[in-house]
Amino acid sequence: MANSFKAQVDDFIKDSNARALAVFQAAAQDVIKDAQIIDDKGGNMPLDTSFLVNSGQANIGSLPIGPDVKPKGYALQDWNPAETTTTINRVKLGDTLYFGWTANYARYMENRFKFMRSAAQLWPDHVNKRALEFKK
């Protein structure tokens, strides 16, 4: 009987941790997606050369690093979230997920346009929405 109860508790904890991780990963993707929406599509991310939006990267355990200056011949392009999604999918409970922009002018642009702050303020909404989804 004790083993049966212990197994039930272990299963409950395992399921709870899996749901908590799924909620975290999905909400993190939602916040990052919100931060990356360019201004002419309803977001706060300014778009000139697209280097800023494309310098956005996710990393586990430390701030992301990458090019801080637009390379010569850089062409306007849409942001591809594939690398960020892959990184988020590797996160485990207890890890620290970082997302940031490596462009050397990112801090100035954030202070001016508040693309990350505006998105981060929606964190509780995204968590609640995703928790309801995963509860079903």
C-alpha atoms as a PDB file:
ATOM      1  CA  MET A   1       0.000   0.000   0.000  1.00  0.00           C
ATOM      2  CA  ALA A   2       2.823   2.416   0.875  1.00  0.00           C
ATOM      3  CA  ASN A   3       4.553   1.786  -2.429  1.00  0.00           C
ATOM      4  CA  SER A   4       1.319   2.476  -4.258  1.00  0.00           C
ATOM      5  CA  PHE A   5       0.884   5.800  -2.464  1.00  0.00           C
ATOM      6  CA  LYS A   6       4.527   6.737  -3.048  1.00  0.00           C
ATOM      7  CA  ALA A   7       4.143   5.907  -6.747  1.00  0.00           C
ATOM      8  CA  GLN A   8       1.041   8.102  -6.932  1.00  0.00           C
ATOM      9  CA  VAL A   9       2.867  11.000  -5.269  1.00  0.00           C
ATOM     10  CA  ASP A  10       5.880  10.529  -7.561  1.00  0.00           C
ATOM     11  CA  ASP A  11       3.607  10.532 -10.624  1.00  0.00           C
ATOM     12  CA  PHE A  12       1.810  13.637  -9.371  1.00  0.00           C
ATOM     13  CA  ILE A  13       5.119  15.482  -8.864  1.00  0.00           C
ATOM     14  CA  LYS A  14       6.397  14.359 -12.263  1.00  0.00           C
ATOM     15  CA  ASP A  15       3.190  15.523 -13.987  1.00  0.00           C
ATOM     16  CA  SER A  16       3.219  18.828 -12.059  1.00  0.00           C
ATOM     17  CA  ASN A  17       6.831  19.518 -12.984  1.00  0.00           C
ATOM     18  CA  ALA A  18       6.141  18.712 -16.628  1.00  0.00           C
ATOM     19  CA  ARG A  19       3.166  21.106 -16.653  1.00  0.00           C
ATOM     20  CA  ALA A  20       5.130  23.838 -14.860  1.00  0.00           C
ATOM     21  CA  LEU A  21       7.941  23.521 -17.394  1.00  0.00           C
ATOM     22  CA  ALA A  22       5.510  23.568 -20.322  1.00  0.00           C
ATOM     23  CA  VAL A  23       3.822  26.704 -18.946  1.00  0.00           C
ATOM     24  CA  PHE A  24       7.188  28.408 -18.428  1.00  0.00           C
ATOM     25  CA  GLN A  25       8.469  27.531 -21.903  1.00  0.00           C
ATOM     26  CA  ALA A  26       5.295  28.610 -23.687  1.00  0.00           C
ATOM     27  CA  ALA A  27       4.947  31.854 -21.698  1.00  0.00           C
ATOM     28  CA  ALA A  28       8.621  32.686 -22.317  1.00  0.00           C
ATOM     29  CA  GLN A  29       8.102  32.244 -26.059  1.00  0.00           C
ATOM     30  CA  ASP A  30       4.998  34.456 -25.877  1.00  0.00           C
ATOM     31  CA  VAL A  31       6.856  37.275 -24.099  1.00  0.00           C
ATOM     32  CA  ILE A  32       9.793  37.122 -26.501  1.00  0.00           C
ATOM     33  CA  LYS A  33       7.450  37.064 -29.489  1.00  0.00           C
ATOM     34  CA  ASP A  34       5.689  40.163 -28.109  1.00  0.00           C
ATOM     35  CA  ALA A  35       9.007  41.959 -27.623  1.00  0.00           C
ATOM     36  CA  GLN A  36      10.044  41.160 -31.196  1.00  0.00           C
ATOM     37  CA  ILE A  37       6.901  42.522 -32.892  1.00  0.00           C
ATOM     38  CA  ILE A  38       8.005  45.443 -35.019  1.00  0.00           C
ATOM     39  CA  ASP A  39       6.301  48.791 -34.627  1.00  0.00           C
ATOM     40  CA  ASP A  40       4.511  48.830 -37.978  1.00  0.00           C
ATOM     41  CA  LYS A  41       2.853  45.515 -37.046  1.00  0.00           C
ATOM     42  CA  GLY A  42       1.554  46.760 -33.694  1.00  0.00           C
ATOM     43  CA  GLY A  43       4.597  46.154 -31.488  1.00  0.00           C
ATOM     44  CA  ASN A  44       7.239  48.403 -29.970  1.00  0.00           C
ATOM     45  CA  MET A  45      10.330  47.078 -31.769  1.00  0.00           C
ATOM     46  CA  PRO A  46      11.664  49.779 -34.101  1.00  0.00           C
ATOM     47  CA  LEU A  47      12.715  48.600 -37.541  1.00  0.00           C
ATOM     48  CA  ASP A  48      15.318  50.346 -39.643  1.00  0.00           C
ATOM     49  CA  THR A  49      17.936  47.869 -40.827  1.00  0.00           C
ATOM     50  CA  SER A  50      16.451  44.856 -38.913  1.00  0.00           C
ATOM     51  CA  PHE A  51      19.813  44.262 -37.215  1.00  0.00           C
ATOM     52  CA  LEU A  52      18.386  45.053 -33.773  1.00  0.00           C
ATOM     53  CA  VAL A  53      15.468  42.622 -33.987  1.00  0.00           C
ATOM     54  CA  ASN A  54      17.723  39.949 -35.480  1.00  0.00           C
ATOM     55  CA  SER A  55      20.338  40.383 -32.756  1.00  0.00           C
ATOM     56  CA  GLY A  56      17.804  39.001 -30.257  1.00  0.00           C
ATOM     57  CA  GLN A  57      18.991  35.712 -28.817  1.00  0.00           C
ATOM     58  CA  ALA A  58      18.111  33.342 -26.009  1.00  0.00           C
ATOM     59  CA  ASN A  59      20.617  31.600 -23.775  1.00  0.00           C
ATOM     60  CA  ILE A  60      20.471  29.378 -20.716  1.00  0.00           C
ATOM     61  CA  GLY A  61      22.493  30.397 -17.672  1.00  0.00           C
ATOM     62  CA  SER A  62      24.125  33.551 -19.023  1.00  0.00           C
ATOM     63  CA  LEU A  63      23.405  36.556 -21.179  1.00  0.00           C
ATOM     64  CA  PRO A  64      23.568  35.834 -24.897  1.00  0.00           C
ATOM     65  CA  ILE A  65      26.547  37.018 -26.890  1.00  0.00           C
ATOM     66  CA  GLY A  66      26.801  37.733 -30.575  1.00  0.00           C
ATOM     67  CA  PRO A  67      27.637  40.416 -33.088  1.00  0.00           C
ATOM     68  CA  ASP A  68      27.147  43.895 -31.682  1.00  0.00           C
ATOM     69  CA  VAL A  69      27.690  45.799 -34.926  1.00  0.00           C
ATOM     70  CA  LYS A  70      25.771  45.300 -38.151  1.00  0.00           C
ATOM     71  CA  PRO A  71      28.006  43.378 -40.582  1.00  0.00           C
ATOM     72  CA  LYS A  72      28.924  44.986 -43.860  1.00  0.00           C
ATOM     73  CA  GLY A  73      26.389  44.089 -46.539  1.00  0.00           C
ATOM     74  CA  TYR A  74      23.701  43.219 -43.990  1.00  0.00           C
ATOM     75  CA  ALA A  75      20.301  43.055 -45.715  1.00  0.00           C
ATOM     76  CA  LEU A  76      16.880  43.740 -44.233  1.00  0.00           C
ATOM     77  CA  GLN A  77      15.330  40.472 -43.044  1.00  0.00           C
ATOM     78  CA  ASP A  78      12.566  39.092 -40.850  1.00  0.00           C
ATOM     79  CA  TRP A  79      13.446  37.662 -37.449  1.00  0.00           C
ATOM     80  CA  ASN A  80      13.504  33.873 -37.381  1.00  0.00           C
ATOM     81  CA  PRO A  81      12.595  32.545 -33.895  1.00  0.00           C
ATOM     82  CA  ALA A  82      13.899  29.000 -34.578  1.00  0.00           C
ATOM     83  CA  GLU A  83      17.109  29.305 -32.517  1.00  0.00           C
ATOM     84  CA  THR A  84      15.235  30.930 -29.643  1.00  0.00           C
ATOM     85  CA  THR A  85      12.598  28.190 -29.692  1.00  0.00           C
ATOM     86  CA  THR A  86      15.311  25.514 -29.670  1.00  0.00           C
ATOM     87  CA  THR A  87      16.998  27.148 -26.685  1.00  0.00           C
ATOM     88  CA  ILE A  88      13.725  27.503 -24.786  1.00  0.00           C
ATOM     89  CA  ASN A  89      12.927  23.839 -25.451  1.00  0.00           C
ATOM     90  CA  ARG A  90      16.236  22.878 -23.755  1.00  0.00           C
ATOM     91  CA  VAL A  91      15.378  24.764 -20.537  1.00  0.00           C
ATOM     92  CA  LYS A  92      14.813  22.669 -17.427  1.00  0.00           C
ATOM     93  CA  LEU A  93      13.096  23.683 -14.196  1.00  0.00           C
ATOM     94  CA  GLY A  94      15.586  25.661 -12.126  1.00  0.00           C
ATOM     95  CA  ASP A  95      17.486  27.022 -15.157  1.00  0.00           C
ATOM     96  CA  THR A  96      17.702  30.726 -15.807  1.00  0.00           C
ATOM     97  CA  LEU A  97      16.631  31.701 -19.297  1.00  0.00           C
ATOM     98  CA  TYR A  98      17.993  34.931 -20.711  1.00  0.00           C
ATOM     99  CA  PHE A  99      16.866  36.762 -23.811  1.00  0.00           C
ATOM    100  CA  GLY A 100      18.625  39.864 -25.005  1.00  0.00           C
ATOM    101  CA  TRP A 101      19.778  41.825 -27.994  1.00  0.00           C
ATOM    102  CA  THR A 102      23.452  41.917 -28.867  1.00  0.00           C
ATOM    103  CA  ALA A 103      23.304  45.057 -31.027  1.00  0.00           C
ATOM    104  CA  ASN A 104      25.469  47.714 -29.359  1.00  0.00           C
ATOM    105  CA  TYR A 105      22.584  50.194 -29.405  1.00  0.00           C
ATOM    106  CA  ALA A 106      19.963  47.797 -27.995  1.00  0.00           C
ATOM    107  CA  ARG A 107      19.918  49.366 -24.517  1.00  0.00           C
ATOM    108  CA  TYR A 108      19.372  52.835 -25.970  1.00  0.00           C
ATOM    109  CA  MET A 109      16.546  51.573 -28.178  1.00  0.00           C
ATOM    110  CA  GLU A 110      14.937  49.694 -25.262  1.00  0.00           C
ATOM    111  CA  ASN A 111      15.044  52.847 -23.138  1.00  0.00           C
ATOM    112  CA  ARG A 112      13.422  54.773 -25.965  1.00  0.00           C
ATOM    113  CA  PHE A 113      10.839  52.256 -27.253  1.00  0.00           C
ATOM    114  CA  LYS A 114      10.394  49.875 -24.283  1.00  0.00           C
ATOM    115  CA  PHE A 115       9.848  46.777 -26.416  1.00  0.00           C
ATOM    116  CA  MET A 116      11.080  44.358 -23.724  1.00  0.00           C
ATOM    117  CA  ARG A 117       9.534  46.155 -20.756  1.00  0.00           C
ATOM    118  CA  SER A 118       6.151  46.272 -22.455  1.00  0.00           C
ATOM    119  CA  ALA A 119       6.352  42.577 -23.270  1.00  0.00           C
ATOM    120  CA  ALA A 120       7.637  41.597 -19.805  1.00  0.00           C
ATOM    121  CA  GLN A 121       4.693  43.331 -18.169  1.00  0.00           C
ATOM    122  CA  LEU A 122       2.462  40.776 -19.882  1.00  0.00           C
ATOM    123  CA  TRP A 123       4.300  37.831 -18.265  1.00  0.00           C
ATOM    124  CA  PRO A 124       1.551  37.126 -15.678  1.00  0.00           C
ATOM    125  CA  ASP A 125      -1.106  37.173 -18.417  1.00  0.00           C
ATOM    126  CA  HIS A 126       0.876  34.745 -20.572  1.00  0.00           C
ATOM    127  CA  VAL A 127       1.519  32.433 -17.616  1.00  0.00           C
ATOM    128  CA  ASN A 128      -2.167  32.422 -16.650  1.00  0.00           C
ATOM    129  CA  LYS A 129      -3.267  31.814 -20.237  1.00  0.00           C
ATOM    130  CA  ARG A 130      -0.807  28.966 -20.718  1.00  0.00           C
ATOM    131  CA  ALA A 131      -1.603  27.438 -17.316  1.00  0.00           C
ATOM    132  CA  LEU A 132      -5.272  27.282 -18.273  1.00  0.00           C
ATOM    133  CA  GLU A 133      -4.326  25.672 -21.590  1.00  0.00           C
ATOM    134  CA  PHE A 134      -2.158  23.006 -19.988  1.00  0.00           C
ATOM    135  CA  LYS A 135      -4.692  22.317 -17.240  1.00  0.00           C
ATOM    136  CA  LYS A 136      -7.084  20.905 -19.826  1.00  0.00           C
END
